[in-house]
Amino acid sequence: MASTAPQQAPRTRAEELRALMDEDQATTVVDVRQPASYNSSPLTILGAVRIPPDEIAQRYREIPPDQPVVTFCTGPHETTSARVARFLLEHGYRHVSALQGGFNTWEALGYPTEEKSGA
């Protein structure tokens, strides 16, 4: 009997994403933190696009399909970002991963953040 297990979402380490950003590699970073986590911080990763996880099915076409995509949630287990990454993979996106350690790790490393729009 064939397995119907969901496709696993690969992970990208914070250092790898930072290197892509430093090299100006076209990468879409998607902030999929749950509303309570998102609202508890005035910051997001520099250049991130905000799509709440419960809106991904309606809004995923806003994400360019022809470049790498890194989703992130708060962390450390990447549950939400991995679920969104799997959804994108299942909908034809080829280069999708979840940020290992999430926003907490990114912020702890002192990597680039910005104030959220409207913050």
Protein backbone atom coordinates (compact mmCIF):
# COMPACT_ATOMS: atom_id res chain seq x y z
CA MET A 1 0.00 0.00 0.00
CA ALA A 2 1.42 3.40 -0.99
CA SER A 3 2.19 5.90 1.72
CA THR A 4 0.14 9.08 1.74
CA ALA A 5 2.21 10.80 4.42
CA PRO A 6 2.44 14.56 3.90
CA GLN A 7 5.59 15.89 2.31
CA GLN A 8 8.09 17.07 4.91
CA ALA A 9 9.10 20.70 4.74
CA PRO A 10 12.85 21.28 4.59
CA ARG A 11 14.44 23.68 7.06
CA THR A 12 16.69 26.67 6.41
CA ARG A 13 19.06 27.75 9.17
CA ALA A 14 19.01 31.43 10.13
CA GLU A 15 22.62 31.74 8.99
CA GLU A 16 21.67 30.45 5.54
CA LEU A 17 18.81 32.93 5.16
CA ARG A 18 21.05 35.75 6.34
CA ALA A 19 23.64 34.78 3.71
CA LEU A 20 20.97 34.83 0.98
CA MET A 21 19.90 38.29 2.11
CA ASP A 22 23.50 39.53 2.26
CA GLU A 23 24.05 38.26 -1.30
CA ASP A 24 20.83 39.98 -2.49
CA GLN A 25 19.43 36.62 -3.62
CA ALA A 26 15.76 36.93 -4.58
CA THR A 27 14.01 35.16 -1.72
CA THR A 28 10.50 35.66 -0.40
CA VAL A 29 10.33 35.55 3.39
CA VAL A 30 6.81 34.95 4.70
CA ASP A 31 5.80 35.78 8.28
CA VAL A 32 3.21 33.17 9.26
CA ARG A 33 3.30 33.66 13.03
CA GLN A 34 0.03 33.00 14.83
CA PRO A 35 -1.85 36.25 15.58
CA ALA A 36 -0.98 36.31 19.31
CA SER A 37 2.74 35.89 18.58
CA TYR A 38 2.67 38.33 15.70
CA ASN A 39 0.87 40.96 17.77
CA SER A 40 3.22 40.56 20.75
CA SER A 41 6.22 41.97 18.86
CA PRO A 42 6.57 45.22 16.92
CA LEU A 43 9.18 43.56 14.66
CA THR A 44 9.42 41.17 11.74
CA ILE A 45 12.29 39.92 9.59
CA LEU A 46 13.54 42.59 7.21
CA GLY A 47 11.52 42.48 3.99
CA ALA A 48 9.08 39.79 5.16
CA VAL A 49 5.58 39.52 3.71
CA ARG A 50 2.83 38.93 6.29
CA ILE A 51 0.29 36.22 5.56
CA PRO A 52 -1.50 34.84 8.61
CA PRO A 53 -1.48 31.03 8.59
CA ASP A 54 -5.27 30.79 8.44
CA GLU A 55 -5.26 32.91 5.24
CA ILE A 56 -2.61 30.98 3.30
CA ALA A 57 -5.11 28.97 1.23
CA GLN A 58 -6.71 32.19 -0.02
CA ARG A 59 -3.53 34.27 -0.39
CA TYR A 60 -0.70 31.93 -1.39
CA ARG A 61 -0.77 33.21 -4.97
CA GLU A 62 0.68 36.49 -3.64
CA ILE A 63 3.97 34.62 -3.14
CA PRO A 64 6.15 34.48 -6.26
CA PRO A 65 6.42 30.81 -7.32
CA ASP A 66 9.68 31.26 -9.23
CA GLN A 67 12.03 32.07 -6.35
CA PRO A 68 12.97 30.49 -3.02
CA VAL A 69 10.45 30.93 -0.20
CA VAL A 70 11.26 30.77 3.52
CA THR A 71 8.35 30.73 5.94
CA PHE A 72 8.76 31.53 9.61
CA CYS A 73 6.74 31.41 12.79
CA THR A 74 7.88 32.06 16.33
CA GLY A 75 9.79 28.80 16.87
CA PRO A 76 11.48 26.71 18.13
CA HIS A 77 9.71 23.73 16.52
CA GLU A 78 8.55 25.54 13.34
CA THR A 79 5.13 23.86 13.54
CA THR A 80 3.17 26.60 11.80
CA SER A 81 5.84 27.55 9.29
CA ALA A 82 6.40 23.88 8.37
CA ARG A 83 2.66 23.40 7.82
CA VAL A 84 2.54 26.46 5.54
CA ALA A 85 5.70 25.35 3.72
CA ARG A 86 4.15 21.91 3.11
CA PHE A 87 1.01 23.59 1.77
CA LEU A 88 3.10 25.62 -0.70
CA LEU A 89 5.04 22.52 -1.79
CA GLU A 90 1.75 20.69 -2.36
CA HIS A 91 0.58 23.62 -4.51
CA GLY A 92 3.50 23.56 -6.91
CA TYR A 93 6.12 25.71 -5.20
CA ARG A 94 9.48 24.00 -5.60
CA HIS A 95 11.92 25.84 -3.35
CA VAL A 96 10.20 26.24 0.01
CA SER A 97 11.54 25.79 3.53
CA ALA A 98 10.73 26.73 7.10
CA LEU A 99 13.14 28.86 9.12
CA GLN A 100 14.78 26.63 11.71
CA GLY A 101 14.24 28.11 15.17
CA GLY A 102 11.78 30.68 13.84
CA PHE A 103 11.71 34.38 14.62
CA ASN A 104 13.01 33.84 18.15
CA THR A 105 16.30 32.46 16.82
CA TRP A 106 16.55 35.14 14.11
CA GLU A 107 16.07 37.92 16.65
CA ALA A 108 18.42 36.31 19.22
CA LEU A 109 21.19 36.24 16.61
CA GLY A 110 20.74 39.98 16.02
CA TYR A 111 19.84 39.52 12.35
CA PRO A 112 18.02 42.28 10.43
CA THR A 113 14.51 43.12 11.54
CA GLU A 114 12.18 46.00 10.84
CA GLU A 115 9.06 47.44 12.37
CA LYS A 116 5.93 45.82 11.06
CA SER A 117 3.76 47.90 8.73
CA GLY A 118 1.37 49.89 10.87
CA ALA A 119 3.37 49.21 14.04
